[in-house]
C-alpha atoms as a PDB file:
ATOM      1  CA  MET A   1      63.720  36.368 120.388  1.00  0.00           C
ATOM      2  CA  LYS A   2      62.995  35.639 116.770  1.00  0.00           C
ATOM      3  CA  ARG A   3      64.427  38.976 115.623  1.00  0.00           C
ATOM      4  CA  LEU A   4      67.662  38.342 117.786  1.00  0.00           C
ATOM      5  CA  SER A   5      68.061  34.718 116.066  1.00  0.00           C
ATOM      6  CA  THR A   6      67.518  36.287 112.749  1.00  0.00           C
ATOM      7  CA  VAL A   7      70.200  38.814 113.256  1.00  0.00           C
ATOM      8  CA  LEU A   8      72.552  36.297 114.832  1.00  0.00           C
ATOM      9  CA  ILE A   9      72.028  33.905 111.853  1.00  0.00           C
ATOM     10  CA  CYS A  10      72.690  36.942 109.419  1.00  0.00           C
ATOM     11  CA  LEU A  11      75.843  37.687 111.246  1.00  0.00           C
ATOM     12  CA  ALA A  12      77.122  34.188 111.338  1.00  0.00           C
ATOM     13  CA  MET A  13      76.527  33.958 107.326  1.00  0.00           C
ATOM     14  CA  MET A  14      78.246  37.116 106.569  1.00  0.00           C
ATOM     15  CA  ALA A  15      81.275  36.021 108.824  1.00  0.00           C
ATOM     16  CA  ALA A  16      81.431  32.859 106.988  1.00  0.00           C
ATOM     17  CA  LEU A  17      81.229  34.644 103.502  1.00  0.00           C
ATOM     18  CA  VAL A  18      84.027  37.005 104.604  1.00  0.00           C
ATOM     19  CA  ALA A  19      86.306  34.184 105.903  1.00  0.00           C
ATOM     20  CA  CYS A  20      85.744  32.300 102.323  1.00  0.00           C
ATOM     21  CA  GLY A  21      86.540  35.472 100.284  1.00  0.00           C
ATOM     22  CA  GLY A  22      89.539  37.291  99.830  1.00  0.00           C
ATOM     23  CA  ASP A  23      92.410  37.823  97.137  1.00  0.00           C
ATOM     24  CA  LYS A  24      94.992  35.347  98.231  1.00  0.00           C
ATOM     25  CA  ALA A  25      96.972  33.225  96.018  1.00  0.00           C
ATOM     26  CA  LYS A  26      95.563  29.819  95.154  1.00  0.00           C
ATOM     27  CA  GLU A  27      97.902  26.649  95.677  1.00  0.00           C
ATOM     28  CA  THR A  28      97.460  24.059  93.070  1.00  0.00           C
ATOM     29  CA  SER A  29      99.522  20.810  92.701  1.00  0.00           C
ATOM     30  CA  GLY A  30     102.532  22.508  94.431  1.00  0.00           C
ATOM     31  CA  THR A  31     102.707  25.763  92.445  1.00  0.00           C
ATOM     32  CA  VAL A  32     101.099  29.069  93.607  1.00  0.00           C
ATOM     33  CA  GLU A  33      99.070  30.848  91.223  1.00  0.00           C
ATOM     34  CA  LYS A  34      98.157  34.333  91.622  1.00  0.00           C
ATOM     35  CA  ALA A  35      94.640  35.293  91.314  1.00  0.00           C
ATOM     36  CA  ALA A  36      93.714  37.902  88.413  1.00  0.00           C
ATOM     37  CA  PRO A  37      92.970  41.064  89.936  1.00  0.00           C
ATOM     38  CA  ALA A  38      89.128  41.951  90.316  1.00  0.00           C
ATOM     39  CA  GLY A  39      88.039  44.213  87.446  1.00  0.00           C
ATOM     40  CA  LYS A  40      87.145  44.049  83.774  1.00  0.00           C
ATOM     41  CA  ALA A  41      88.956  42.957  80.865  1.00  0.00           C
ATOM     42  CA  TYR A  42      90.304  45.434  78.364  1.00  0.00           C
ATOM     43  CA  ASP A  43      90.931  43.957  74.887  1.00  0.00           C
ATOM     44  CA  GLY A  44      92.479  46.507  72.429  1.00  0.00           C
ATOM     45  CA  GLN A  45      94.154  46.415  69.140  1.00  0.00           C
ATOM     46  CA  TYR A  46      97.704  46.182  70.602  1.00  0.00           C
ATOM     47  CA  PHE A  47      97.175  44.524  73.819  1.00  0.00           C
ATOM     48  CA  SER A  48      94.841  43.339  76.552  1.00  0.00           C
ATOM     49  CA  PHE A  49      94.757  43.382  80.301  1.00  0.00           C
ATOM     50  CA  ASN A  50      92.593  43.228  83.375  1.00  0.00           C
ATOM     51  CA  VAL A  51      91.658  46.817  84.568  1.00  0.00           C
ATOM     52  CA  ALA A  52      91.600  46.946  88.641  1.00  0.00           C
ATOM     53  CA  ASP A  53      88.458  47.782  90.445  1.00  0.00           C
ATOM     54  CA  GLY A  54      88.057  51.434  90.689  1.00  0.00           C
ATOM     55  CA  TRP A  55      90.176  52.233  87.633  1.00  0.00           C
ATOM     56  CA  ASP A  56      88.923  53.200  84.056  1.00  0.00           C
ATOM     57  CA  ALA A  57      90.796  52.687  80.866  1.00  0.00           C
ATOM     58  CA  GLY A  58      90.310  55.149  78.095  1.00  0.00           C
ATOM     59  CA  PRO A  59      89.973  54.402  74.649  1.00  0.00           C
ATOM     60  CA  LEU A  60      92.892  53.870  72.060  1.00  0.00           C
ATOM     61  CA  THR A  61      93.335  57.598  70.984  1.00  0.00           C
ATOM     62  CA  PHE A  62      96.417  58.509  69.022  1.00  0.00           C
ATOM     63  CA  GLY A  63      97.972  55.413  69.893  1.00  0.00           C
ATOM     64  CA  MET A  64      97.637  55.801  73.489  1.00  0.00           C
ATOM     65  CA  VAL A  65      95.528  54.047  76.248  1.00  0.00           C
ATOM     66  CA  ASN A  66      95.070  56.053  79.696  1.00  0.00           C
ATOM     67  CA  VAL A  67      94.352  53.847  82.678  1.00  0.00           C
ATOM     68  CA  LEU A  68      93.363  56.078  85.800  1.00  0.00           C
ATOM     69  CA  PRO A  69      91.682  55.618  89.014  1.00  0.00           C
ATOM     70  CA  LYS A  70      88.094  56.708  88.704  1.00  0.00           C
ATOM     71  CA  GLY A  71      87.869  60.572  89.309  1.00  0.00           C
ATOM     72  CA  LYS A  72      91.517  61.087  89.737  1.00  0.00           C
ATOM     73  CA  VAL A  73      94.506  62.001  87.546  1.00  0.00           C
ATOM     74  CA  SER A  74      97.181  60.346  89.551  1.00  0.00           C
ATOM     75  CA  PRO A  75      98.720  57.597  89.731  1.00  0.00           C
ATOM     76  CA  GLY A  76      98.340  56.645  86.280  1.00  0.00           C
ATOM     77  CA  LEU A  77      99.284  53.931  83.852  1.00  0.00           C
ATOM     78  CA  TYR A  78      99.729  54.766  80.231  1.00  0.00           C
ATOM     79  CA  PHE A  79     100.232  52.612  77.144  1.00  0.00           C
ATOM     80  CA  LYS A  80     101.461  53.913  73.955  1.00  0.00           C
ATOM     81  CA  PHE A  81     102.078  52.368  70.614  1.00  0.00           C
ATOM     82  CA  GLU A  82     103.943  54.025  67.899  1.00  0.00           C
ATOM     83  CA  GLY A  83     104.891  52.952  64.199  1.00  0.00           C
ATOM     84  CA  ASP A  84     102.523  50.283  63.148  1.00  0.00           C
ATOM     85  CA  GLY A  85     105.039  48.067  62.245  1.00  0.00           C
ATOM     86  CA  HIS A  86     107.436  50.810  60.816  1.00  0.00           C
ATOM     87  CA  ALA A  87     108.940  52.198  64.123  1.00  0.00           C
ATOM     88  CA  VAL A  88     112.606  53.003  63.945  1.00  0.00           C
ATOM     89  CA  GLY A  89     115.208  53.359  66.837  1.00  0.00           C
ATOM     90  CA  THR A  90     115.802  51.269  69.798  1.00  0.00           C
ATOM     91  CA  ALA A  91     114.567  50.999  73.372  1.00  0.00           C
ATOM     92  CA  GLU A  92     118.125  52.249  74.634  1.00  0.00           C
ATOM     93  CA  GLU A  93     117.971  55.270  72.388  1.00  0.00           C
ATOM     94  CA  SER A  94     114.616  56.258  73.829  1.00  0.00           C
ATOM     95  CA  ILE A  95     115.565  55.675  77.393  1.00  0.00           C
ATOM     96  CA  ASN A  96     118.969  57.440  77.127  1.00  0.00           C
ATOM     97  CA  GLY A  97     117.070  60.188  75.599  1.00  0.00           C
ATOM     98  CA  MET A  98     114.772  60.447  78.728  1.00  0.00           C
ATOM     99  CA  ILE A  99     117.964  59.979  81.041  1.00  0.00           C
ATOM    100  CA  SER A 100     119.720  62.750  79.618  1.00  0.00           C
ATOM    101  CA  ASN A 101     116.848  65.184  79.003  1.00  0.00           C
ATOM    102  CA  TYR A 102     115.356  64.693  82.543  1.00  0.00           C
ATOM    103  CA  GLY A 103     118.067  63.126  84.672  1.00  0.00           C
ATOM    104  CA  GLY A 104     116.551  59.748  84.820  1.00  0.00           C
ATOM    105  CA  SER A 105     117.884  56.978  86.705  1.00  0.00           C
ATOM    106  CA  PRO A 106     120.414  54.569  85.033  1.00  0.00           C
ATOM    107  CA  MET A 107     118.738  52.243  82.389  1.00  0.00           C
ATOM    108  CA  THR A 108     117.542  48.767  83.622  1.00  0.00           C
ATOM    109  CA  SER A 109     115.736  46.027  82.155  1.00  0.00           C
ATOM    110  CA  THR A 110     112.299  45.040  83.187  1.00  0.00           C
ATOM    111  CA  THR A 111     110.023  42.139  81.406  1.00  0.00           C
ATOM    112  CA  ILE A 112     106.433  42.773  80.979  1.00  0.00           C
ATOM    113  CA  ALA A 113     104.151  40.289  79.051  1.00  0.00           C
ATOM    114  CA  GLY A 114     107.235  38.422  78.260  1.00  0.00           C
ATOM    115  CA  VAL A 115     108.902  40.940  76.610  1.00  0.00           C
ATOM    116  CA  GLU A 116     112.222  42.788  77.765  1.00  0.00           C
ATOM    117  CA  PHE A 117     111.660  46.637  78.192  1.00  0.00           C
ATOM    118  CA  LYS A 118     114.470  49.148  78.963  1.00  0.00           C
ATOM    119  CA  THR A 119     113.411  51.221  82.048  1.00  0.00           C
ATOM    120  CA  THR A 120     114.180  54.553  83.781  1.00  0.00           C
ATOM    121  CA  THR A 121     112.636  56.798  86.375  1.00  0.00           C
ATOM    122  CA  TYR A 122     112.583  60.437  86.070  1.00  0.00           C
ATOM    123  CA  SER A 123     110.873  63.544  87.314  1.00  0.00           C
ATOM    124  CA  THR A 124     109.127  66.050  85.102  1.00  0.00           C
ATOM    125  CA  SER A 125     107.036  68.931  86.439  1.00  0.00           C
ATOM    126  CA  GLY A 126     107.512  67.841  89.743  1.00  0.00           C
ATOM    127  CA  MET A 127     105.799  64.341  88.884  1.00  0.00           C
ATOM    128  CA  THR A 128     107.777  61.036  89.147  1.00  0.00           C
ATOM    129  CA  GLN A 129     107.518  58.793  86.113  1.00  0.00           C
ATOM    130  CA  THR A 130     108.848  55.331  85.217  1.00  0.00           C
ATOM    131  CA  MET A 131     109.133  54.611  81.602  1.00  0.00           C
ATOM    132  CA  HIS A 132     109.327  51.278  80.092  1.00  0.00           C
ATOM    133  CA  VAL A 133     110.106  50.932  76.285  1.00  0.00           C
ATOM    134  CA  ALA A 134     110.318  48.024  73.864  1.00  0.00           C
ATOM    135  CA  PHE A 135     110.388  47.511  70.293  1.00  0.00           C
ATOM    136  CA  ARG A 136     108.247  44.400  68.917  1.00  0.00           C
ATOM    137  CA  ASN A 137     107.136  43.559  65.341  1.00  0.00           C
ATOM    138  CA  GLY A 138     108.036  47.290  64.320  1.00  0.00           C
ATOM    139  CA  THR A 139     106.015  48.770  66.859  1.00  0.00           C
ATOM    140  CA  LYS A 140     107.395  50.982  69.618  1.00  0.00           C
ATOM    141  CA  ILE A 141     105.645  50.131  72.907  1.00  0.00           C
ATOM    142  CA  THR A 142     105.883  52.673  75.806  1.00  0.00           C
ATOM    143  CA  ILE A 143     104.472  51.937  79.237  1.00  0.00           C
ATOM    144  CA  THR A 144     104.659  54.754  81.743  1.00  0.00           C
ATOM    145  CA  ILE A 145     103.851  54.601  85.342  1.00  0.00           C
ATOM    146  CA  GLU A 146     103.105  58.250  86.781  1.00  0.00           C
ATOM    147  CA  GLY A 147     102.518  59.306  90.236  1.00  0.00           C
ATOM    148  CA  PRO A 148     104.300  59.578  93.561  1.00  0.00           C
ATOM    149  CA  ASP A 149     105.068  55.706  94.439  1.00  0.00           C
ATOM    150  CA  GLY A 150     103.051  54.703  91.015  1.00  0.00           C
ATOM    151  CA  LYS A 151     105.375  51.836  90.529  1.00  0.00           C
ATOM    152  CA  GLU A 152     104.734  50.402  94.252  1.00  0.00           C
ATOM    153  CA  ASN A 153     100.749  50.844  93.670  1.00  0.00           C
ATOM    154  CA  PRO A 154      99.451  47.485  94.072  1.00  0.00           C
ATOM    155  CA  ASP A 155      96.650  48.001  91.663  1.00  0.00           C
ATOM    156  CA  ILE A 156      99.223  49.099  88.963  1.00  0.00           C
ATOM    157  CA  LYS A 157     101.361  45.991  89.771  1.00  0.00           C
ATOM    158  CA  ALA A 158      98.414  43.623  89.354  1.00  0.00           C
ATOM    159  CA  MET A 159      97.380  45.230  86.025  1.00  0.00           C
ATOM    160  CA  LEU A 160     100.968  45.008  84.517  1.00  0.00           C
ATOM    161  CA  GLU A 161     101.102  41.489  85.683  1.00  0.00           C
ATOM    162  CA  THR A 162      97.891  40.702  83.338  1.00  0.00           C
ATOM    163  CA  VAL A 163      99.112  42.470  80.210  1.00  0.00           C
ATOM    164  CA  ALA A 164      99.116  40.362  76.933  1.00  0.00           C
ATOM    165  CA  LEU A 165     100.690  42.060  73.920  1.00  0.00           C
ATOM    166  CA  LYS A 166      99.289  41.312  70.479  1.00  0.00           C
END
């Protein structure tokens, strides 16, 4: 009987914890505030963001940071920074090059971290990629989402919502 009571109490406590947990938006004084994705903070030279649970962000190597699910190569999120204050060109030129070289979709605008990026989606080597390009403070910033349905991946969406450019 004691064993049964202990099991029932444990189950009730676990049910209460599950009911209280979750990743839902919080409502505060009439505004909906989205909770930051679970994971760890990444604070780099050019930007910061929250790395989703189950993902790893590599170190800045040759101006690039790769963010991949642990043990996998796709989908991927790639941040590239070029120019160190002396980049030349425009986002439109970069995206138009991808459109003409890879048959990308028509250019659109996307806002990430409060910055307007020019965007196209294309396929190379059988892999779908969505590229976002912006120039900011003399640095060319490229954010690429790679993989089938990568731009619809909830972890990638959540990570992009937390990006802060420096």
